Amino acid sequence: MTVIQFIQGLDEEGTEQVRLTRSASGNQGTATFIFENPKALGQDITQEITGMYMIDEEGQMVSREVKARFVNGEPKFLEGFYVMKSKPEWDRFMRFMERYAEKYGLELNKS
C-alpha cells in the first residue's frame, strides 16, 4: 500500500507532477507534488485538509505544507511540499517514491 492522502483515510489518485530538488551536498531536498482535481477538494467532502500524508509499508511521512490553487474561483489543484533535511530523510523519501512511481507508472526525468 503506497498512497498519498490530504485527508486521512481518503487516498488520492496518482499525480503526474512531482518535482524534486536536492542540495549540492545531497543532504537536503524538496519534493513538490501537484494534484489536479484531487478527491480532497471534491464537492461532497466536508473534512478538513490537515496535511499531506505519504504512507507505505515503512510507515508515514507527513508535511503540513499544502496549498490550494484556484481557477476561475474554483479549487482546481492541491500542491504538497515535503522538505528533507538530512540524507536519511532523503533516502527514506526516495524509497517511498520508488514504490509510488511503480504503482502509478511515473518515470524520473533529470533536467
PDB file of N, CA and C in Angstrom:
ATOM      1  N   MET A   1       0.840  -1.176   0.000  1.00  0.00           N
ATOM      2  CA  MET A   1       0.000   0.000   0.000  1.00  0.00           C
ATOM      3  C   MET A   1       0.887   1.242   0.000  1.00  0.00           C
ATOM      4  N   THR A   2       0.897   1.958  -1.073  1.00  0.00           N
ATOM      5  CA  THR A   2       1.644   3.206  -1.182  1.00  0.00           C
ATOM      6  C   THR A   2       0.664   4.268  -1.654  1.00  0.00           C
ATOM      7  N   VAL A   3       0.350   5.221  -0.772  1.00  0.00           N
ATOM      8  CA  VAL A   3      -0.663   6.225  -1.091  1.00  0.00           C
ATOM      9  C   VAL A   3      -0.260   7.590  -0.569  1.00  0.00           C
ATOM     10  N   ILE A   4      -0.907   8.599  -1.129  1.00  0.00           N
ATOM     11  CA  ILE A   4      -0.826   9.959  -0.611  1.00  0.00           C
ATOM     12  C   ILE A   4      -2.243  10.373  -0.251  1.00  0.00           C
ATOM     13  N   GLN A   5      -2.375  10.973   0.930  1.00  0.00           N
ATOM     14  CA  GLN A   5      -3.665  11.453   1.413  1.00  0.00           C
ATOM     15  C   GLN A   5      -3.517  12.899   1.872  1.00  0.00           C
ATOM     16  N   PHE A   6      -4.540  13.715   1.610  1.00  0.00           N
ATOM     17  CA  PHE A   6      -4.611  15.059   2.180  1.00  0.00           C
ATOM     18  C   PHE A   6      -5.610  15.085   3.329  1.00  0.00           C
ATOM     19  N   ILE A   7      -6.542  14.166   3.277  1.00  0.00           N
ATOM     20  CA  ILE A   7      -7.483  13.924   4.362  1.00  0.00           C
ATOM     21  C   ILE A   7      -7.246  12.479   4.769  1.00  0.00           C
ATOM     22  N   GLN A   8      -6.934  12.242   6.038  1.00  0.00           N
ATOM     23  CA  GLN A   8      -6.607  10.884   6.461  1.00  0.00           C
ATOM     24  C   GLN A   8      -7.756   9.940   6.145  1.00  0.00           C
ATOM     25  N   GLY A   9      -7.414   8.829   5.484  1.00  0.00           N
ATOM     26  CA  GLY A   9      -8.389   7.830   5.104  1.00  0.00           C
ATOM     27  C   GLY A   9      -8.908   7.986   3.686  1.00  0.00           C
ATOM     28  N   LEU A  10      -8.581   9.097   3.006  1.00  0.00           N
ATOM     29  CA  LEU A  10      -9.038   9.349   1.638  1.00  0.00           C
ATOM     30  C   LEU A  10      -7.825   9.329   0.701  1.00  0.00           C
ATOM     31  N   ASP A  11      -7.633   8.207   0.016  1.00  0.00           N
ATOM     32  CA  ASP A  11      -6.490   8.053  -0.887  1.00  0.00           C
ATOM     33  C   ASP A  11      -6.703   8.877  -2.146  1.00  0.00           C
ATOM     34  N   GLU A  12      -5.662   9.591  -2.542  1.00  0.00           N
ATOM     35  CA  GLU A  12      -5.695  10.333  -3.805  1.00  0.00           C
ATOM     36  C   GLU A  12      -5.220   9.424  -4.929  1.00  0.00           C
ATOM     37  N   GLU A  13      -5.705   9.710  -6.133  1.00  0.00           N
ATOM     38  CA  GLU A  13      -5.184   9.020  -7.307  1.00  0.00           C
ATOM     39  C   GLU A  13      -3.772   9.543  -7.537  1.00  0.00           C
ATOM     40  N   GLY A  14      -2.986   8.833  -8.306  1.00  0.00           N
ATOM     41  CA  GLY A  14      -1.612   9.242  -8.543  1.00  0.00           C
ATOM     42  C   GLY A  14      -1.519  10.586  -9.246  1.00  0.00           C
ATOM     43  N   THR A  15      -0.420  11.269  -9.038  1.00  0.00           N
ATOM     44  CA  THR A  15      -0.156  12.535  -9.707  1.00  0.00           C
ATOM     45  C   THR A  15       0.902  12.319 -10.769  1.00  0.00           C
ATOM     46  N   GLU A  16       0.830  13.091 -11.820  1.00  0.00           N
ATOM     47  CA  GLU A  16       1.854  13.023 -12.855  1.00  0.00           C
ATOM     48  C   GLU A  16       2.924  14.084 -12.635  1.00  0.00           C
ATOM     49  N   GLN A  17       2.691  14.969 -11.664  1.00  0.00           N
ATOM     50  CA  GLN A  17       3.612  16.080 -11.466  1.00  0.00           C
ATOM     51  C   GLN A  17       4.272  16.008 -10.087  1.00  0.00           C
ATOM     52  N   VAL A  18       5.531  15.604 -10.098  1.00  0.00           N
ATOM     53  CA  VAL A  18       6.351  15.604  -8.887  1.00  0.00           C
ATOM     54  C   VAL A  18       7.667  16.257  -9.270  1.00  0.00           C
ATOM     55  N   ARG A  19       8.046  17.278  -8.527  1.00  0.00           N
ATOM     56  CA  ARG A  19       9.325  17.951  -8.785  1.00  0.00           C
ATOM     57  C   ARG A  19      10.234  17.750  -7.581  1.00  0.00           C
ATOM     58  N   LEU A  20      11.471  17.378  -7.872  1.00  0.00           N
ATOM     59  CA  LEU A  20      12.465  17.177  -6.818  1.00  0.00           C
ATOM     60  C   LEU A  20      13.620  18.133  -6.992  1.00  0.00           C
ATOM     61  N   THR A  21      14.071  18.689  -5.890  1.00  0.00           N
ATOM     62  CA  THR A  21      15.316  19.457  -5.887  1.00  0.00           C
ATOM     63  C   THR A  21      16.184  18.888  -4.773  1.00  0.00           C
ATOM     64  N   ARG A  22      17.492  18.999  -4.960  1.00  0.00           N
ATOM     65  CA  ARG A  22      18.426  18.481  -3.956  1.00  0.00           C
ATOM     66  C   ARG A  22      19.619  19.420  -3.866  1.00  0.00           C
ATOM     67  N   SER A  23      20.079  19.625  -2.654  1.00  0.00           N
ATOM     68  CA  SER A  23      21.233  20.499  -2.463  1.00  0.00           C
ATOM     69  C   SER A  23      22.478  19.853  -3.059  1.00  0.00           C
ATOM     70  N   ALA A  24      23.474  20.679  -3.317  1.00  0.00           N
ATOM     71  CA  ALA A  24      24.724  20.177  -3.901  1.00  0.00           C
ATOM     72  C   ALA A  24      25.377  19.130  -3.010  1.00  0.00           C
ATOM     73  N   SER A  25      25.238  19.275  -1.697  1.00  0.00           N
ATOM     74  CA  SER A  25      25.826  18.316  -0.763  1.00  0.00           C
ATOM     75  C   SER A  25      25.050  17.008  -0.718  1.00  0.00           C
ATOM     76  N   GLY A  26      23.801  17.036  -1.186  1.00  0.00           N
ATOM     77  CA  GLY A  26      22.965  15.840  -1.159  1.00  0.00           C
ATOM     78  C   GLY A  26      22.299  15.595   0.178  1.00  0.00           C
ATOM     79  N   ASN A  27      22.466  16.526   1.108  1.00  0.00           N
ATOM     80  CA  ASN A  27      21.919  16.335   2.440  1.00  0.00           C
ATOM     81  C   ASN A  27      20.525  16.923   2.636  1.00  0.00           C
ATOM     82  N   GLN A  28      20.069  17.755   1.716  1.00  0.00           N
ATOM     83  CA  GLN A  28      18.753  18.372   1.835  1.00  0.00           C
ATOM     84  C   GLN A  28      18.055  18.328   0.485  1.00  0.00           C
ATOM     85  N   GLY A  29      16.731  18.369   0.537  1.00  0.00           N
ATOM     86  CA  GLY A  29      15.980  18.366  -0.709  1.00  0.00           C
ATOM     87  C   GLY A  29      14.538  18.751  -0.476  1.00  0.00           C
ATOM     88  N   THR A  30      13.841  18.987  -1.570  1.00  0.00           N
ATOM     89  CA  THR A  30      12.428  19.359  -1.526  1.00  0.00           C
ATOM     90  C   THR A  30      11.690  18.587  -2.603  1.00  0.00           C
ATOM     91  N   ALA A  31      10.503  18.110  -2.256  1.00  0.00           N
ATOM     92  CA  ALA A  31       9.620  17.466  -3.230  1.00  0.00           C
ATOM     93  C   ALA A  31       8.339  18.278  -3.296  1.00  0.00           C
ATOM     94  N   THR A  32       7.880  18.542  -4.505  1.00  0.00           N
ATOM     95  CA  THR A  32       6.622  19.252  -4.726  1.00  0.00           C
ATOM     96  C   THR A  32       5.703  18.339  -5.530  1.00  0.00           C
ATOM     97  N   PHE A  33       4.533  18.068  -4.972  1.00  0.00           N
ATOM     98  CA  PHE A  33       3.519  17.245  -5.625  1.00  0.00           C
ATOM     99  C   PHE A  33       2.382  18.157  -6.071  1.00  0.00           C
ATOM    100  N   ILE A  34       1.911  18.001  -7.286  1.00  0.00           N
ATOM    101  CA  ILE A  34       0.783  18.790  -7.773  1.00  0.00           C
ATOM    102  C   ILE A  34      -0.317  17.827  -8.205  1.00  0.00           C
ATOM    103  N   PHE A  35      -1.463  17.935  -7.550  1.00  0.00           N
ATOM    104  CA  PHE A  35      -2.622  17.099  -7.853  1.00  0.00           C
ATOM    105  C   PHE A  35      -3.698  17.960  -8.497  1.00  0.00           C
ATOM    106  N   GLU A  36      -4.120  17.572  -9.691  1.00  0.00           N
ATOM    107  CA  GLU A  36      -5.211  18.275 -10.371  1.00  0.00           C
ATOM    108  C   GLU A  36      -6.526  17.579 -10.033  1.00  0.00           C
ATOM    109  N   ASN A  37      -7.518  18.354  -9.633  1.00  0.00           N
ATOM    110  CA  ASN A  37      -8.832  17.845  -9.241  1.00  0.00           C
ATOM    111  C   ASN A  37      -8.738  16.708  -8.219  1.00  0.00           C
ATOM    112  N   PRO A  38      -8.047  16.934  -7.107  1.00  0.00           N
ATOM    113  CA  PRO A  38      -7.915  15.863  -6.114  1.00  0.00           C
ATOM    114  C   PRO A  38      -9.250  15.576  -5.421  1.00  0.00           C
ATOM    115  N   LYS A  39      -9.374  14.358  -4.936  1.00  0.00           N
ATOM    116  CA  LYS A  39     -10.579  13.963  -4.210  1.00  0.00           C
ATOM    117  C   LYS A  39     -10.827  14.866  -3.007  1.00  0.00           C
ATOM    118  N   ALA A  40      -9.765  15.311  -2.360  1.00  0.00           N
ATOM    119  CA  ALA A  40      -9.891  16.128  -1.143  1.00  0.00           C
ATOM    120  C   ALA A  40     -10.601  17.449  -1.395  1.00  0.00           C
ATOM    121  N   LEU A  41     -10.659  17.904  -2.647  1.00  0.00           N
ATOM    122  CA  LEU A  41     -11.358  19.143  -2.989  1.00  0.00           C
ATOM    123  C   LEU A  41     -12.736  18.878  -3.586  1.00  0.00           C
ATOM    124  N   GLY A  42     -13.198  17.635  -3.501  1.00  0.00           N
ATOM    125  CA  GLY A  42     -14.489  17.273  -4.075  1.00  0.00           C
ATOM    126  C   GLY A  42     -15.657  17.991  -3.407  1.00  0.00           C
ATOM    127  N   GLN A  43     -16.736  18.156  -4.159  1.00  0.00           N
ATOM    128  CA  GLN A  43     -17.926  18.861  -3.686  1.00  0.00           C
ATOM    129  C   GLN A  43     -18.532  18.208  -2.452  1.00  0.00           C
ATOM    130  N   ASP A  44     -18.460  16.885  -2.364  1.00  0.00           N
ATOM    131  CA  ASP A  44     -19.104  16.166  -1.272  1.00  0.00           C
ATOM    132  C   ASP A  44     -18.202  15.960  -0.058  1.00  0.00           C
ATOM    133  N   ILE A  45     -17.011  16.511  -0.076  1.00  0.00           N
ATOM    134  CA  ILE A  45     -16.059  16.342   1.022  1.00  0.00           C
ATOM    135  C   ILE A  45     -16.265  17.451   2.054  1.00  0.00           C
ATOM    136  N   THR A  46     -16.450  17.039   3.308  1.00  0.00           N
ATOM    137  CA  THR A  46     -16.646  18.024   4.380  1.00  0.00           C
ATOM    138  C   THR A  46     -15.472  18.042   5.364  1.00  0.00           C
ATOM    139  N   GLN A  47     -14.592  17.042   5.290  1.00  0.00           N
ATOM    140  CA  GLN A  47     -13.455  17.000   6.199  1.00  0.00           C
ATOM    141  C   GLN A  47     -12.415  18.050   5.810  1.00  0.00           C
ATOM    142  N   GLU A  48     -11.650  18.447   6.792  1.00  0.00           N
ATOM    143  CA  GLU A  48     -10.616  19.461   6.599  1.00  0.00           C
ATOM    144  C   GLU A  48      -9.315  18.832   6.116  1.00  0.00           C
ATOM    145  N   ILE A  49      -8.635  19.513   5.219  1.00  0.00           N
ATOM    146  CA  ILE A  49      -7.310  19.085   4.781  1.00  0.00           C
ATOM    147  C   ILE A  49      -6.331  19.464   5.893  1.00  0.00           C
ATOM    148  N   THR A  50      -5.640  18.458   6.419  1.00  0.00           N
ATOM    149  CA  THR A  50      -4.773  18.686   7.574  1.00  0.00           C
ATOM    150  C   THR A  50      -3.293  18.504   7.258  1.00  0.00           C
ATOM    151  N   GLY A  51      -2.970  18.147   6.031  1.00  0.00           N
ATOM    152  CA  GLY A  51      -1.579  17.951   5.653  1.00  0.00           C
ATOM    153  C   GLY A  51      -1.502  17.017   4.467  1.00  0.00           C
ATOM    154  N   MET A  52      -0.288  16.634   4.115  1.00  0.00           N
ATOM    155  CA  MET A  52      -0.056  15.631   3.079  1.00  0.00           C
ATOM    156  C   MET A  52       0.583  14.436   3.764  1.00  0.00           C
ATOM    157  N   TYR A  53      -0.068  13.299   3.640  1.00  0.00           N
ATOM    158  CA  TYR A  53       0.374  12.074   4.293  1.00  0.00           C
ATOM    159  C   TYR A  53       0.842  11.099   3.224  1.00  0.00           C
ATOM    160  N   MET A  54       2.108  10.732   3.277  1.00  0.00           N
ATOM    161  CA  MET A  54       2.688   9.768   2.347  1.00  0.00           C
ATOM    162  C   MET A  54       2.857   8.468   3.122  1.00  0.00           C
ATOM    163  N   ILE A  55       2.103   7.457   2.730  1.00  0.00           N
ATOM    164  CA  ILE A  55       2.009   6.229   3.513  1.00  0.00           C
ATOM    165  C   ILE A  55       2.465   5.045   2.665  1.00  0.00           C
ATOM    166  N   ASP A  56       3.333   4.230   3.250  1.00  0.00           N
ATOM    167  CA  ASP A  56       3.741   2.987   2.598  1.00  0.00           C
ATOM    168  C   ASP A  56       4.035   1.949   3.661  1.00  0.00           C
ATOM    169  N   GLU A  57       4.629   0.843   3.241  1.00  0.00           N
ATOM    170  CA  GLU A  57       4.868  -0.263   4.165  1.00  0.00           C
ATOM    171  C   GLU A  57       5.855   0.088   5.283  1.00  0.00           C
ATOM    172  N   GLU A  58       6.650   1.137   5.110  1.00  0.00           N
ATOM    173  CA  GLU A  58       7.588   1.548   6.156  1.00  0.00           C
ATOM    174  C   GLU A  58       6.949   2.470   7.189  1.00  0.00           C
ATOM    175  N   GLY A  59       5.789   3.013   6.875  1.00  0.00           N
ATOM    176  CA  GLY A  59       5.143   3.933   7.805  1.00  0.00           C
ATOM    177  C   GLY A  59       4.583   5.153   7.095  1.00  0.00           C
ATOM    178  N   GLN A  60       4.667   6.289   7.772  1.00  0.00           N
ATOM    179  CA  GLN A  60       4.046   7.513   7.273  1.00  0.00           C
ATOM    180  C   GLN A  60       5.007   8.695   7.385  1.00  0.00           C
ATOM    181  N   MET A  61       5.045   9.502   6.327  1.00  0.00           N
ATOM    182  CA  MET A  61       5.767  10.774   6.344  1.00  0.00           C
ATOM    183  C   MET A  61       4.700  11.854   6.205  1.00  0.00           C
ATOM    184  N   VAL A  62       4.852  12.943   6.943  1.00  0.00           N
ATOM    185  CA  VAL A  62       3.817  13.977   6.967  1.00  0.00           C
ATOM    186  C   VAL A  62       4.420  15.338   6.673  1.00  0.00           C
ATOM    187  N   SER A  63       3.684  16.114   5.886  1.00  0.00           N
ATOM    188  CA  SER A  63       4.014  17.517   5.669  1.00  0.00           C
ATOM    189  C   SER A  63       2.761  18.339   5.917  1.00  0.00           C
ATOM    190  N   ARG A  64       2.917  19.451   6.583  1.00  0.00           N
ATOM    191  CA  ARG A  64       1.786  20.358   6.812  1.00  0.00           C
ATOM    192  C   ARG A  64       1.749  21.469   5.761  1.00  0.00           C
ATOM    193  N   GLU A  65       2.707  21.437   4.834  1.00  0.00           N
ATOM    194  CA  GLU A  65       2.782  22.475   3.802  1.00  0.00           C
ATOM    195  C   GLU A  65       1.960  22.061   2.586  1.00  0.00           C
ATOM    196  N   VAL A  66       0.711  22.504   2.569  1.00  0.00           N
ATOM    197  CA  VAL A  66      -0.210  22.198   1.481  1.00  0.00           C
ATOM    198  C   VAL A  66      -0.894  23.495   1.064  1.00  0.00           C
ATOM    199  N   LYS A  67      -0.967  23.717  -0.240  1.00  0.00           N
ATOM    200  CA  LYS A  67      -1.627  24.919  -0.767  1.00  0.00           C
ATOM    201  C   LYS A  67      -2.642  24.522  -1.820  1.00  0.00           C
ATOM    202  N   ALA A  68      -3.741  25.260  -1.868  1.00  0.00           N
ATOM    203  CA  ALA A  68      -4.744  25.076  -2.921  1.00  0.00           C
ATOM    204  C   ALA A  68      -4.546  26.166  -3.958  1.00  0.00           C
ATOM    205  N   ARG A  69      -4.726  25.793  -5.223  1.00  0.00           N
ATOM    206  CA  ARG A  69      -4.720  26.770  -6.314  1.00  0.00           C
ATOM    207  C   ARG A  69      -6.104  26.788  -6.936  1.00  0.00           C
ATOM    208  N   PHE A  70      -6.580  27.986  -7.213  1.00  0.00           N
ATOM    209  CA  PHE A  70      -7.921  28.163  -7.738  1.00  0.00           C
ATOM    210  C   PHE A  70      -7.870  28.611  -9.191  1.00  0.00           C
ATOM    211  N   VAL A  71      -8.845  28.156  -9.985  1.00  0.00           N
ATOM    212  CA  VAL A  71      -9.006  28.576 -11.368  1.00  0.00           C
ATOM    213  C   VAL A  71     -10.455  29.035 -11.510  1.00  0.00           C
ATOM    214  N   ASN A  72     -10.635  30.290 -11.914  1.00  0.00           N
ATOM    215  CA  ASN A  72     -11.972  30.873 -12.047  1.00  0.00           C
ATOM    216  C   ASN A  72     -12.788  30.736 -10.762  1.00  0.00           C
ATOM    217  N   GLY A  73     -12.131  30.933  -9.635  1.00  0.00           N
ATOM    218  CA  GLY A  73     -12.814  30.915  -8.349  1.00  0.00           C
ATOM    219  C   GLY A  73     -13.110  29.538  -7.793  1.00  0.00           C
ATOM    220  N   GLU A  74     -12.718  28.489  -8.493  1.00  0.00           N
ATOM    221  CA  GLU A  74     -12.973  27.120  -8.046  1.00  0.00           C
ATOM    222  C   GLU A  74     -11.649  26.444  -7.691  1.00  0.00           C
ATOM    223  N   PRO A  75     -11.625  25.647  -6.606  1.00  0.00           N
ATOM    224  CA  PRO A  75     -10.395  24.923  -6.280  1.00  0.00           C
ATOM    225  C   PRO A  75     -10.099  23.878  -7.349  1.00  0.00           C
ATOM    226  N   LYS A  76      -8.893  23.916  -7.889  1.00  0.00           N
ATOM    227  CA  LYS A  76      -8.534  23.042  -9.009  1.00  0.00           C
ATOM    228  C   LYS A  76      -7.338  22.144  -8.693  1.00  0.00           C
ATOM    229  N   PHE A  77      -6.368  22.685  -7.938  1.00  0.00           N
ATOM    230  CA  PHE A  77      -5.132  21.955  -7.665  1.00  0.00           C
ATOM    231  C   PHE A  77      -4.814  21.970  -6.173  1.00  0.00           C
ATOM    232  N   LEU A  78      -4.162  20.912  -5.721  1.00  0.00           N
ATOM    233  CA  LEU A  78      -3.520  20.912  -4.410  1.00  0.00           C
ATOM    234  C   LEU A  78      -2.039  20.693  -4.643  1.00  0.00           C
ATOM    235  N   GLU A  79      -1.235  21.506  -3.964  1.00  0.00           N
ATOM    236  CA  GLU A  79       0.215  21.367  -4.029  1.00  0.00           C
ATOM    237  C   GLU A  79       0.705  20.982  -2.640  1.00  0.00           C
ATOM    238  N   GLY A  80       1.427  19.892  -2.569  1.00  0.00           N
ATOM    239  CA  GLY A  80       2.024  19.452  -1.317  1.00  0.00           C
ATOM    240  C   GLY A  80       3.527  19.567  -1.410  1.00  0.00           C
ATOM    241  N   PHE A  81       4.133  20.083  -0.352  1.00  0.00           N
ATOM    242  CA  PHE A  81       5.582  20.281  -0.314  1.00  0.00           C
ATOM    243  C   PHE A  81       6.169  19.455   0.829  1.00  0.00           C
ATOM    244  N   TYR A  82       7.211  18.700   0.536  1.00  0.00           N
ATOM    245  CA  TYR A  82       7.874  17.893   1.554  1.00  0.00           C
ATOM    246  C   TYR A  82       9.355  18.261   1.559  1.00  0.00           C
ATOM    247  N   VAL A  83       9.855  18.672   2.712  1.00  0.00           N
ATOM    248  CA  VAL A  83      11.245  19.101   2.855  1.00  0.00           C
ATOM    249  C   VAL A  83      12.032  18.014   3.579  1.00  0.00           C
ATOM    250  N   MET A  84      13.162  17.640   2.991  1.00  0.00           N
ATOM    251  CA  MET A  84      14.054  16.650   3.591  1.00  0.00           C
ATOM    252  C   MET A  84      15.309  17.372   4.069  1.00  0.00           C
ATOM    253  N   LYS A  85      15.628  17.213   5.333  1.00  0.00           N
ATOM    254  CA  LYS A  85      16.722  17.980   5.925  1.00  0.00           C
ATOM    255  C   LYS A  85      17.958  17.150   6.241  1.00  0.00           C
ATOM    256  N   SER A  86      17.954  15.884   5.809  1.00  0.00           N
ATOM    257  CA  SER A  86      19.119  15.034   6.059  1.00  0.00           C
ATOM    258  C   SER A  86      19.173  13.931   5.009  1.00  0.00           C
ATOM    259  N   LYS A  87      20.317  13.295   4.882  1.00  0.00           N
ATOM    260  CA  LYS A  87      20.475  12.185   3.936  1.00  0.00           C
ATOM    261  C   LYS A  87      19.536  11.036   4.272  1.00  0.00           C
ATOM    262  N   PRO A  88      19.374  10.642   5.540  1.00  0.00           N
ATOM    263  CA  PRO A  88      18.404   9.573   5.847  1.00  0.00           C
ATOM    264  C   PRO A  88      16.965   9.936   5.461  1.00  0.00           C
ATOM    265  N   GLU A  89      16.570  11.203   5.635  1.00  0.00           N
ATOM    266  CA  GLU A  89      15.229  11.621   5.217  1.00  0.00           C
ATOM    267  C   GLU A  89      15.099  11.534   3.696  1.00  0.00           C
ATOM    268  N   TRP A  90      16.152  11.949   2.980  1.00  0.00           N
ATOM    269  CA  TRP A  90      16.142  11.859   1.513  1.00  0.00           C
ATOM    270  C   TRP A  90      16.029  10.401   1.085  1.00  0.00           C
ATOM    271  N   ASP A  91      16.822   9.523   1.684  1.00  0.00           N
ATOM    272  CA  ASP A  91      16.802   8.105   1.323  1.00  0.00           C
ATOM    273  C   ASP A  91      15.431   7.489   1.588  1.00  0.00           C
ATOM    274  N   ARG A  92      14.834   7.820   2.722  1.00  0.00           N
ATOM    275  CA  ARG A  92      13.503   7.307   3.061  1.00  0.00           C
ATOM    276  C   ARG A  92      12.467   7.787   2.036  1.00  0.00           C
ATOM    277  N   PHE A  93      12.539   9.069   1.688  1.00  0.00           N
ATOM    278  CA  PHE A  93      11.613   9.608   0.703  1.00  0.00           C
ATOM    279  C   PHE A  93      11.780   8.904  -0.643  1.00  0.00           C
ATOM    280  N   MET A  94      13.004   8.671  -1.063  1.00  0.00           N
ATOM    281  CA  MET A  94      13.250   8.036  -2.355  1.00  0.00           C
ATOM    282  C   MET A  94      12.724   6.598  -2.371  1.00  0.00           C
ATOM    283  N   ARG A  95      12.786   5.892  -1.243  1.00  0.00           N
ATOM    284  CA  ARG A  95      12.203   4.549  -1.189  1.00  0.00           C
ATOM    285  C   ARG A  95      10.685   4.639  -1.382  1.00  0.00           C
ATOM    286  N   PHE A  96      10.063   5.640  -0.728  1.00  0.00           N
ATOM    287  CA  PHE A  96       8.631   5.855  -0.926  1.00  0.00           C
ATOM    288  C   PHE A  96       8.345   6.139  -2.396  1.00  0.00           C
ATOM    289  N   MET A  97       9.124   7.026  -3.005  1.00  0.00           N
ATOM    290  CA  MET A  97       8.887   7.422  -4.393  1.00  0.00           C
ATOM    291  C   MET A  97       9.076   6.258  -5.365  1.00  0.00           C
ATOM    292  N   GLU A  98      10.009   5.370  -5.081  1.00  0.00           N
ATOM    293  CA  GLU A  98      10.174   4.196  -5.946  1.00  0.00           C
ATOM    294  C   GLU A  98       8.894   3.374  -5.949  1.00  0.00           C
ATOM    295  N   ARG A  99       8.313   3.160  -4.781  1.00  0.00           N
ATOM    296  CA  ARG A  99       7.054   2.400  -4.683  1.00  0.00           C
ATOM    297  C   ARG A  99       5.909   3.162  -5.347  1.00  0.00           C
ATOM    298  N   TYR A 100       5.839   4.462  -5.092  1.00  0.00           N
ATOM    299  CA  TYR A 100       4.771   5.298  -5.643  1.00  0.00           C
ATOM    300  C   TYR A 100       4.861   5.339  -7.167  1.00  0.00           C
ATOM    301  N   ALA A 101       6.077   5.514  -7.680  1.00  0.00           N
ATOM    302  CA  ALA A 101       6.289   5.572  -9.132  1.00  0.00           C
ATOM    303  C   ALA A 101       5.909   4.250  -9.785  1.00  0.00           C
ATOM    304  N   GLU A 102       6.258   3.157  -9.156  1.00  0.00           N
ATOM    305  CA  GLU A 102       5.912   1.849  -9.710  1.00  0.00           C
ATOM    306  C   GLU A 102       4.394   1.665  -9.743  1.00  0.00           C
ATOM    307  N   LYS A 103       3.721   2.071  -8.683  1.00  0.00           N
ATOM    308  CA  LYS A 103       2.266   1.914  -8.608  1.00  0.00           C
ATOM    309  C   LYS A 103       1.542   2.755  -9.658  1.00  0.00           C
ATOM    310  N   TYR A 104       2.024   3.981  -9.900  1.00  0.00           N
ATOM    311  CA  TYR A 104       1.332   4.905 -10.782  1.00  0.00           C
ATOM    312  C   TYR A 104       2.018   5.122 -12.133  1.00  0.00           C
ATOM    313  N   GLY A 105       3.068   4.359 -12.421  1.00  0.00           N
ATOM    314  CA  GLY A 105       3.709   4.435 -13.733  1.00  0.00           C
ATOM    315  C   GLY A 105       4.475   5.720 -13.977  1.00  0.00           C
ATOM    316  N   LEU A 106       5.097   6.269 -12.959  1.00  0.00           N
ATOM    317  CA  LEU A 106       5.877   7.514 -13.107  1.00  0.00           C
ATOM    318  C   LEU A 106       7.318   7.178 -13.471  1.00  0.00           C
ATOM    319  N   GLU A 107       7.967   8.106 -14.173  1.00  0.00           N
ATOM    320  CA  GLU A 107       9.372   7.955 -14.526  1.00  0.00           C
ATOM    321  C   GLU A 107      10.129   9.185 -14.075  1.00  0.00           C
ATOM    322  N   LEU A 108      11.409   9.022 -13.781  1.00  0.00           N
ATOM    323  CA  LEU A 108      12.265  10.136 -13.381  1.00  0.00           C
ATOM    324  C   LEU A 108      12.917  10.719 -14.623  1.00  0.00           C
ATOM    325  N   ASN A 109      12.722  12.023 -14.814  1.00  0.00           N
ATOM    326  CA  ASN A 109      13.379  12.744 -15.910  1.00  0.00           C
ATOM    327  C   ASN A 109      14.293  13.786 -15.285  1.00  0.00           C
ATOM    328  N   LYS A 110      15.601  13.595 -15.448  1.00  0.00           N
ATOM    329  CA  LYS A 110      16.555  14.546 -14.890  1.00  0.00           C
ATOM    330  C   LYS A 110      16.686  15.758 -15.802  1.00  0.00           C
ATOM    331  N   SER A 111      16.763  16.945 -15.187  1.00  0.00           N
ATOM    332  CA  SER A 111      16.937  18.148 -16.007  1.00  0.00           C
ATOM    333  C   SER A 111      18.125  18.936 -15.550  1.00  0.00           C
TER     334      SER A 111
END
